[in-house]
PDB file of N, CA and C in Angstrom:
ATOM      1  N   MET A   1      -5.560 -10.967   5.686  1.00  0.00           N
ATOM      2  CA  MET A   1      -6.938 -10.807   6.094  1.00  0.00           C
ATOM      3  C   MET A   1      -7.758 -10.364   4.890  1.00  0.00           C
ATOM      4  N   LYS A   2      -8.799 -11.065   4.602  1.00  0.00           N
ATOM      5  CA  LYS A   2      -9.651 -10.739   3.471  1.00  0.00           C
ATOM      6  C   LYS A   2     -10.778  -9.817   3.921  1.00  0.00           C
ATOM      7  N   ASN A   3     -11.214  -8.977   3.011  1.00  0.00           N
ATOM      8  CA  ASN A   3     -12.299  -8.048   3.263  1.00  0.00           C
ATOM      9  C   ASN A   3     -13.453  -8.436   2.355  1.00  0.00           C
ATOM     10  N   ASN A   4     -14.670  -8.556   2.896  1.00  0.00           N
ATOM     11  CA  ASN A   4     -15.820  -8.965   2.103  1.00  0.00           C
ATOM     12  C   ASN A   4     -16.181  -7.961   1.021  1.00  0.00           C
ATOM     13  N   ASN A   5     -15.830  -6.686   1.198  1.00  0.00           N
ATOM     14  CA  ASN A   5     -16.152  -5.665   0.208  1.00  0.00           C
ATOM     15  C   ASN A   5     -15.278  -5.784  -1.026  1.00  0.00           C
ATOM     16  N   ASN A   6     -14.079  -6.300  -0.871  1.00  0.00           N
ATOM     17  CA  ASN A   6     -13.148  -6.408  -1.987  1.00  0.00           C
ATOM     18  C   ASN A   6     -12.319  -7.673  -1.789  1.00  0.00           C
ATOM     19  N   ILE A   7     -12.624  -8.721  -2.542  1.00  0.00           N
ATOM     20  CA  ILE A   7     -11.963 -10.012  -2.385  1.00  0.00           C
ATOM     21  C   ILE A   7     -10.451  -9.898  -2.531  1.00  0.00           C
ATOM     22  N   ASN A   8      -9.950  -8.986  -3.354  1.00  0.00           N
ATOM     23  CA  ASN A   8      -8.524  -8.858  -3.606  1.00  0.00           C
ATOM     24  C   ASN A   8      -7.812  -7.951  -2.615  1.00  0.00           C
ATOM     25  N   LYS A   9      -8.434  -7.607  -1.509  1.00  0.00           N
ATOM     26  CA  LYS A   9      -7.839  -6.713  -0.517  1.00  0.00           C
ATOM     27  C   LYS A   9      -7.226  -7.547   0.607  1.00  0.00           C
ATOM     28  N   GLU A  10      -5.920  -7.394   0.809  1.00  0.00           N
ATOM     29  CA  GLU A  10      -5.183  -8.184   1.788  1.00  0.00           C
ATOM     30  C   GLU A  10      -4.357  -7.251   2.672  1.00  0.00           C
ATOM     31  N   ARG A  11      -4.469  -7.412   3.971  1.00  0.00           N
ATOM     32  CA  ARG A  11      -3.688  -6.589   4.876  1.00  0.00           C
ATOM     33  C   ARG A  11      -2.218  -7.010   4.814  1.00  0.00           C
ATOM     34  N   VAL A  12      -1.327  -6.013   4.758  1.00  0.00           N
ATOM     35  CA  VAL A  12       0.107  -6.266   4.673  1.00  0.00           C
ATOM     36  C   VAL A  12       0.855  -5.343   5.630  1.00  0.00           C
ATOM     37  N   GLU A  13       2.102  -5.699   5.905  1.00  0.00           N
ATOM     38  CA  GLU A  13       3.006  -4.853   6.680  1.00  0.00           C
ATOM     39  C   GLU A  13       3.894  -4.121   5.684  1.00  0.00           C
ATOM     40  N   VAL A  14       4.009  -2.805   5.824  1.00  0.00           N
ATOM     41  CA  VAL A  14       4.761  -2.002   4.855  1.00  0.00           C
ATOM     42  C   VAL A  14       5.875  -1.239   5.550  1.00  0.00           C
ATOM     43  N   MET A  15       7.042  -1.240   4.916  1.00  0.00           N
ATOM     44  CA  MET A  15       8.151  -0.379   5.324  1.00  0.00           C
ATOM     45  C   MET A  15       8.075   0.831   4.405  1.00  0.00           C
ATOM     46  N   ALA A  16       7.910   2.018   4.990  1.00  0.00           N
ATOM     47  CA  ALA A  16       7.741   3.225   4.178  1.00  0.00           C
ATOM     48  C   ALA A  16       8.653   4.334   4.682  1.00  0.00           C
ATOM     49  N   LEU A  17       8.968   5.232   3.766  1.00  0.00           N
ATOM     50  CA  LEU A  17       9.765   6.411   4.067  1.00  0.00           C
ATOM     51  C   LEU A  17       8.816   7.601   4.092  1.00  0.00           C
ATOM     52  N   PHE A  18       8.794   8.326   5.197  1.00  0.00           N
ATOM     53  CA  PHE A  18       7.896   9.466   5.343  1.00  0.00           C
ATOM     54  C   PHE A  18       8.686  10.768   5.292  1.00  0.00           C
ATOM     55  N   GLY A  19       8.106  11.775   4.603  1.00  0.00           N
ATOM     56  CA  GLY A  19       8.689  13.110   4.576  1.00  0.00           C
ATOM     57  C   GLY A  19       9.895  13.252   3.685  1.00  0.00           C
ATOM     58  N   TYR A  20       9.929  12.541   2.557  1.00  0.00           N
ATOM     59  CA  TYR A  20      11.070  12.592   1.655  1.00  0.00           C
ATOM     60  C   TYR A  20      10.748  13.492   0.466  1.00  0.00           C
ATOM     61  N   GLU A  21      11.465  14.595   0.332  1.00  0.00           N
ATOM     62  CA  GLU A  21      11.320  15.566  -0.758  1.00  0.00           C
ATOM     63  C   GLU A  21       9.854  15.926  -1.017  1.00  0.00           C
ATOM     64  N   MET A  22       9.395  15.781  -2.264  1.00  0.00           N
ATOM     65  CA  MET A  22       8.030  16.178  -2.621  1.00  0.00           C
ATOM     66  C   MET A  22       7.004  15.071  -2.364  1.00  0.00           C
ATOM     67  N   THR A  23       7.463  13.866  -2.055  1.00  0.00           N
ATOM     68  CA  THR A  23       6.559  12.759  -1.764  1.00  0.00           C
ATOM     69  C   THR A  23       6.500  12.577  -0.251  1.00  0.00           C
ATOM     70  N   PRO A  24       5.352  12.878   0.379  1.00  0.00           N
ATOM     71  CA  PRO A  24       5.284  12.784   1.841  1.00  0.00           C
ATOM     72  C   PRO A  24       5.389  11.355   2.366  1.00  0.00           C
ATOM     73  N   CYS A  25       5.061  10.357   1.539  1.00  0.00           N
ATOM     74  CA  CYS A  25       5.171   8.962   1.949  1.00  0.00           C
ATOM     75  C   CYS A  25       5.528   8.126   0.721  1.00  0.00           C
ATOM     76  N   GLU A  26       6.478   7.234   0.897  1.00  0.00           N
ATOM     77  CA  GLU A  26       6.882   6.352  -0.200  1.00  0.00           C
ATOM     78  C   GLU A  26       7.075   4.935   0.339  1.00  0.00           C
ATOM     79  N   PRO A  27       6.219   3.977  -0.079  1.00  0.00           N
ATOM     80  CA  PRO A  27       6.417   2.590   0.359  1.00  0.00           C
ATOM     81  C   PRO A  27       7.680   2.015  -0.267  1.00  0.00           C
ATOM     82  N   LEU A  28       8.491   1.334   0.563  1.00  0.00           N
ATOM     83  CA  LEU A  28       9.756   0.765   0.095  1.00  0.00           C
ATOM     84  C   LEU A  28       9.667  -0.744  -0.108  1.00  0.00           C
ATOM     85  N   SER A  29       8.926  -1.410   0.769  1.00  0.00           N
ATOM     86  CA  SER A  29       8.743  -2.855   0.669  1.00  0.00           C
ATOM     87  C   SER A  29       7.512  -3.240   1.480  1.00  0.00           C
ATOM     88  N   PHE A  30       7.038  -4.462   1.238  1.00  0.00           N
ATOM     89  CA  PHE A  30       5.917  -4.961   2.031  1.00  0.00           C
ATOM     90  C   PHE A  30       6.064  -6.456   2.249  1.00  0.00           C
ATOM     91  N   LYS A  31       5.358  -6.918   3.265  1.00  0.00           N
ATOM     92  CA  LYS A  31       5.381  -8.323   3.641  1.00  0.00           C
ATOM     93  C   LYS A  31       3.935  -8.749   3.888  1.00  0.00           C
ATOM     94  N   ARG A  32       3.562  -9.887   3.315  1.00  0.00           N
ATOM     95  CA  ARG A  32       2.234 -10.441   3.578  1.00  0.00           C
ATOM     96  C   ARG A  32       2.219 -11.040   4.983  1.00  0.00           C
ATOM     97  N   ILE A  33       1.093 -10.926   5.654  1.00  0.00           N
ATOM     98  CA  ILE A  33       0.948 -11.476   7.000  1.00  0.00           C
ATOM     99  C   ILE A  33       1.161 -12.995   6.933  1.00  0.00           C
ATOM    100  N   GLY A  34       2.028 -13.516   7.788  1.00  0.00           N
ATOM    101  CA  GLY A  34       2.309 -14.946   7.820  1.00  0.00           C
ATOM    102  C   GLY A  34       3.348 -15.403   6.812  1.00  0.00           C
ATOM    103  N   ASP A  35       3.929 -14.480   6.059  1.00  0.00           N
ATOM    104  CA  ASP A  35       4.938 -14.806   5.050  1.00  0.00           C
ATOM    105  C   ASP A  35       6.220 -14.074   5.434  1.00  0.00           C
ATOM    106  N   SER A  36       7.336 -14.764   5.405  1.00  0.00           N
ATOM    107  CA  SER A  36       8.594 -14.136   5.823  1.00  0.00           C
ATOM    108  C   SER A  36       9.272 -13.354   4.699  1.00  0.00           C
ATOM    109  N   ARG A  37       8.785 -13.502   3.446  1.00  0.00           N
ATOM    110  CA  ARG A  37       9.430 -12.823   2.315  1.00  0.00           C
ATOM    111  C   ARG A  37       9.079 -11.334   2.280  1.00  0.00           C
ATOM    112  N   ASP A  38      10.068 -10.522   1.957  1.00  0.00           N
ATOM    113  CA  ASP A  38       9.857  -9.098   1.708  1.00  0.00           C
ATOM    114  C   ASP A  38       9.738  -8.886   0.206  1.00  0.00           C
ATOM    115  N   PHE A  39       8.784  -8.070  -0.211  1.00  0.00           N
ATOM    116  CA  PHE A  39       8.606  -7.711  -1.610  1.00  0.00           C
ATOM    117  C   PHE A  39       9.056  -6.266  -1.765  1.00  0.00           C
ATOM    118  N   GLU A  40      10.153  -6.055  -2.483  1.00  0.00           N
ATOM    119  CA  GLU A  40      10.720  -4.720  -2.640  1.00  0.00           C
ATOM    120  C   GLU A  40       9.972  -3.944  -3.720  1.00  0.00           C
ATOM    121  N   VAL A  41       9.583  -2.729  -3.380  1.00  0.00           N
ATOM    122  CA  VAL A  41       8.965  -1.823  -4.349  1.00  0.00           C
ATOM    123  C   VAL A  41      10.087  -1.262  -5.212  1.00  0.00           C
ATOM    124  N   THR A  42      10.032  -1.546  -6.510  1.00  0.00           N
ATOM    125  CA  THR A  42      11.096  -1.104  -7.413  1.00  0.00           C
ATOM    126  C   THR A  42      10.765   0.216  -8.095  1.00  0.00           C
ATOM    127  N   ASP A  43       9.481   0.580  -8.146  1.00  0.00           N
ATOM    128  CA  ASP A  43       9.067   1.823  -8.796  1.00  0.00           C
ATOM    129  C   ASP A  43       7.773   2.332  -8.183  1.00  0.00           C
ATOM    130  N   LEU A  44       7.727   3.619  -7.902  1.00  0.00           N
ATOM    131  CA  LEU A  44       6.499   4.279  -7.473  1.00  0.00           C
ATOM    132  C   LEU A  44       5.906   4.941  -8.704  1.00  0.00           C
ATOM    133  N   LEU A  45       4.758   4.447  -9.164  1.00  0.00           N
ATOM    134  CA  LEU A  45       4.166   4.925 -10.407  1.00  0.00           C
ATOM    135  C   LEU A  45       3.258   6.132 -10.204  1.00  0.00           C
ATOM    136  N   GLN A  46       2.396   6.059  -9.183  1.00  0.00           N
ATOM    137  CA  GLN A  46       1.405   7.118  -8.984  1.00  0.00           C
ATOM    138  C   GLN A  46       0.895   7.070  -7.557  1.00  0.00           C
ATOM    139  N   THR A  47       0.575   8.241  -7.028  1.00  0.00           N
ATOM    140  CA  THR A  47      -0.062   8.318  -5.712  1.00  0.00           C
ATOM    141  C   THR A  47      -1.326   9.162  -5.821  1.00  0.00           C
ATOM    142  N   THR A  48      -2.359   8.764  -5.112  1.00  0.00           N
ATOM    143  CA  THR A  48      -3.605   9.517  -5.050  1.00  0.00           C
ATOM    144  C   THR A  48      -4.183   9.371  -3.652  1.00  0.00           C
ATOM    145  N   VAL A  49      -5.112  10.252  -3.339  1.00  0.00           N
ATOM    146  CA  VAL A  49      -5.822  10.184  -2.065  1.00  0.00           C
ATOM    147  C   VAL A  49      -7.311  10.132  -2.366  1.00  0.00           C
ATOM    148  N   LYS A  50      -7.999   9.185  -1.734  1.00  0.00           N
ATOM    149  CA  LYS A  50      -9.439   9.029  -1.899  1.00  0.00           C
ATOM    150  C   LYS A  50     -10.081   9.289  -0.531  1.00  0.00           C
ATOM    151  N   PHE A  51     -11.154  10.073  -0.517  1.00  0.00           N
ATOM    152  CA  PHE A  51     -11.849  10.371   0.733  1.00  0.00           C
ATOM    153  C   PHE A  51     -13.194   9.665   0.763  1.00  0.00           C
ATOM    154  N   ALA A  52     -13.490   9.008   1.874  1.00  0.00           N
ATOM    155  CA  ALA A  52     -14.788   8.396   2.118  1.00  0.00           C
ATOM    156  C   ALA A  52     -15.295   9.003   3.427  1.00  0.00           C
ATOM    157  N   GLY A  53     -16.084  10.068   3.307  1.00  0.00           N
ATOM    158  CA  GLY A  53     -16.489  10.813   4.504  1.00  0.00           C
ATOM    159  C   GLY A  53     -15.281  11.540   5.055  1.00  0.00           C
ATOM    160  N   ASN A  54     -14.970  11.296   6.323  1.00  0.00           N
ATOM    161  CA  ASN A  54     -13.818  11.938   6.967  1.00  0.00           C
ATOM    162  C   ASN A  54     -12.555  11.081   6.918  1.00  0.00           C
ATOM    163  N   VAL A  55     -12.615   9.947   6.223  1.00  0.00           N
ATOM    164  CA  VAL A  55     -11.489   9.020   6.193  1.00  0.00           C
ATOM    165  C   VAL A  55     -10.722   9.166   4.881  1.00  0.00           C
ATOM    166  N   ALA A  56      -9.408   9.330   4.993  1.00  0.00           N
ATOM    167  CA  ALA A  56      -8.538   9.412   3.819  1.00  0.00           C
ATOM    168  C   ALA A  56      -7.875   8.058   3.586  1.00  0.00           C
ATOM    169  N   VAL A  57      -7.883   7.622   2.330  1.00  0.00           N
ATOM    170  CA  VAL A  57      -7.169   6.414   1.929  1.00  0.00           C
ATOM    171  C   VAL A  57      -6.123   6.844   0.901  1.00  0.00           C
ATOM    172  N   HIS A  58      -4.863   6.621   1.236  1.00  0.00           N
ATOM    173  CA  HIS A  58      -3.753   6.984   0.357  1.00  0.00           C
ATOM    174  C   HIS A  58      -3.448   5.779  -0.523  1.00  0.00           C
ATOM    175  N   ILE A  59      -3.449   5.984  -1.827  1.00  0.00           N
ATOM    176  CA  ILE A  59      -3.300   4.899  -2.793  1.00  0.00           C
ATOM    177  C   ILE A  59      -1.972   5.049  -3.523  1.00  0.00           C
ATOM    178  N   PHE A  60      -1.204   3.964  -3.557  1.00  0.00           N
ATOM    179  CA  PHE A  60       0.111   3.948  -4.189  1.00  0.00           C
ATOM    180  C   PHE A  60       0.131   2.850  -5.250  1.00  0.00           C
ATOM    181  N   ASP A  61       0.251   3.242  -6.505  1.00  0.00           N
ATOM    182  CA  ASP A  61       0.451   2.271  -7.580  1.00  0.00           C
ATOM    183  C   ASP A  61       1.955   2.100  -7.724  1.00  0.00           C
ATOM    184  N   VAL A  62       2.412   0.858  -7.546  1.00  0.00           N
ATOM    185  CA  VAL A  62       3.847   0.564  -7.516  1.00  0.00           C
ATOM    186  C   VAL A  62       4.159  -0.634  -8.404  1.00  0.00           C
ATOM    187  N   MET A  63       5.428  -0.807  -8.658  1.00  0.00           N
ATOM    188  CA  MET A  63       5.932  -2.000  -9.342  1.00  0.00           C
ATOM    189  C   MET A  63       6.776  -2.783  -8.349  1.00  0.00           C
ATOM    190  N   VAL A  64       6.590  -4.082  -8.342  1.00  0.00           N
ATOM    191  CA  VAL A  64       7.418  -5.002  -7.572  1.00  0.00           C
ATOM    192  C   VAL A  64       8.075  -5.900  -8.611  1.00  0.00           C
ATOM    193  N   GLY A  65       9.286  -5.544  -8.980  1.00  0.00           N
ATOM    194  CA  GLY A  65       9.913  -6.199 -10.129  1.00  0.00           C
ATOM    195  C   GLY A  65       9.149  -5.794 -11.380  1.00  0.00           C
ATOM    196  N   LYS A  66       8.570  -6.771 -12.059  1.00  0.00           N
ATOM    197  CA  LYS A  66       7.767  -6.491 -13.254  1.00  0.00           C
ATOM    198  C   LYS A  66       6.272  -6.602 -12.986  1.00  0.00           C
ATOM    199  N   THR A  67       5.889  -6.746 -11.717  1.00  0.00           N
ATOM    200  CA  THR A  67       4.487  -6.926 -11.348  1.00  0.00           C
ATOM    201  C   THR A  67       3.897  -5.621 -10.815  1.00  0.00           C
ATOM    202  N   PRO A  68       2.832  -5.112 -11.448  1.00  0.00           N
ATOM    203  CA  PRO A  68       2.169  -3.923 -10.910  1.00  0.00           C
ATOM    204  C   PRO A  68       1.324  -4.298  -9.690  1.00  0.00           C
ATOM    205  N   CYS A  69       1.381  -3.457  -8.667  1.00  0.00           N
ATOM    206  CA  CYS A  69       0.623  -3.671  -7.437  1.00  0.00           C
ATOM    207  C   CYS A  69       0.021  -2.348  -6.986  1.00  0.00           C
ATOM    208  N   ARG A  70      -0.969  -2.447  -6.143  1.00  0.00           N
ATOM    209  CA  ARG A  70      -1.541  -1.257  -5.523  1.00  0.00           C
ATOM    210  C   ARG A  70      -1.522  -1.459  -4.014  1.00  0.00           C
ATOM    211  N   LEU A  71      -0.920  -0.493  -3.319  1.00  0.00           N
ATOM    212  CA  LEU A  71      -0.921  -0.468  -1.861  1.00  0.00           C
ATOM    213  C   LEU A  71      -1.815   0.670  -1.413  1.00  0.00           C
ATOM    214  N   GLU A  72      -2.641   0.417  -0.401  1.00  0.00           N
ATOM    215  CA  GLU A  72      -3.522   1.447   0.147  1.00  0.00           C
ATOM    216  C   GLU A  72      -3.239   1.599   1.631  1.00  0.00           C
ATOM    217  N   PHE A  73      -3.176   2.851   2.075  1.00  0.00           N
ATOM    218  CA  PHE A  73      -2.993   3.143   3.494  1.00  0.00           C
ATOM    219  C   PHE A  73      -4.267   3.784   4.022  1.00  0.00           C
ATOM    220  N   ASP A  74      -4.917   3.104   4.957  1.00  0.00           N
ATOM    221  CA  ASP A  74      -6.130   3.605   5.612  1.00  0.00           C
ATOM    222  C   ASP A  74      -5.686   4.505   6.760  1.00  0.00           C
ATOM    223  N   ALA A  75      -5.818   5.815   6.580  1.00  0.00           N
ATOM    224  CA  ALA A  75      -5.326   6.784   7.562  1.00  0.00           C
ATOM    225  C   ALA A  75      -6.146   6.782   8.850  1.00  0.00           C
ATOM    226  N   SER A  76      -7.347   6.249   8.822  1.00  0.00           N
ATOM    227  CA  SER A  76      -8.184   6.190  10.020  1.00  0.00           C
ATOM    228  C   SER A  76      -7.730   5.066  10.954  1.00  0.00           C
ATOM    229  N   HIS A  77      -7.484   3.887  10.396  1.00  0.00           N
ATOM    230  CA  HIS A  77      -7.113   2.722  11.198  1.00  0.00           C
ATOM    231  C   HIS A  77      -5.606   2.450  11.198  1.00  0.00           C
ATOM    232  N   LEU A  78      -4.870   3.182  10.360  1.00  0.00           N
ATOM    233  CA  LEU A  78      -3.415   3.039  10.220  1.00  0.00           C
ATOM    234  C   LEU A  78      -3.032   1.648   9.733  1.00  0.00           C
ATOM    235  N   TYR A  79      -3.826   1.096   8.806  1.00  0.00           N
ATOM    236  CA  TYR A  79      -3.564  -0.197   8.196  1.00  0.00           C
ATOM    237  C   TYR A  79      -3.141  -0.021   6.748  1.00  0.00           C
ATOM    238  N   TRP A  80      -2.275  -0.900   6.292  1.00  0.00           N
ATOM    239  CA  TRP A  80      -1.899  -0.986   4.882  1.00  0.00           C
ATOM    240  C   TRP A  80      -2.570  -2.198   4.267  1.00  0.00           C
ATOM    241  N   TYR A  81      -2.988  -2.066   3.013  1.00  0.00           N
ATOM    242  CA  TYR A  81      -3.617  -3.160   2.272  1.00  0.00           C
ATOM    243  C   TYR A  81      -2.971  -3.289   0.897  1.00  0.00           C
ATOM    244  N   LEU A  82      -2.828  -4.527   0.444  1.00  0.00           N
ATOM    245  CA  LEU A  82      -2.444  -4.829  -0.918  1.00  0.00           C
ATOM    246  C   LEU A  82      -3.743  -5.117  -1.649  1.00  0.00           C
ATOM    247  N   THR A  83      -4.061  -4.318  -2.675  1.00  0.00           N
ATOM    248  CA  THR A  83      -5.341  -4.496  -3.352  1.00  0.00           C
ATOM    249  C   THR A  83      -5.202  -5.105  -4.735  1.00  0.00           C
ATOM    250  N   LYS A  84      -3.969  -5.224  -5.244  1.00  0.00           N
ATOM    251  CA  LYS A  84      -3.718  -5.920  -6.502  1.00  0.00           C
ATOM    252  C   LYS A  84      -2.423  -6.689  -6.338  1.00  0.00           C
ATOM    253  N   ALA A  85      -2.391  -7.895  -6.853  1.00  0.00           N
ATOM    254  CA  ALA A  85      -1.145  -8.674  -6.796  1.00  0.00           C
ATOM    255  C   ALA A  85      -1.036  -9.571  -8.001  1.00  0.00           C
TER     256      ALA A  85
END
């Protein structure tokens, strides 16, 4: 699903581990909607939280093999987005 505010924003399904050690959430893999392939997250580079009013967006900079990607979790709508691929 494309978003008019950001052409490179695509909704994805994410398998994540919650409550692990010092990282409260860690994405493990993701799948694009309509695609059967799983993309394994090989490295978690950085996590940040951005607030827009009362809405928190959790941002995960990850590596998928040798490709850097950014996954965002919209805590208000409980959606995951791939914002770089």
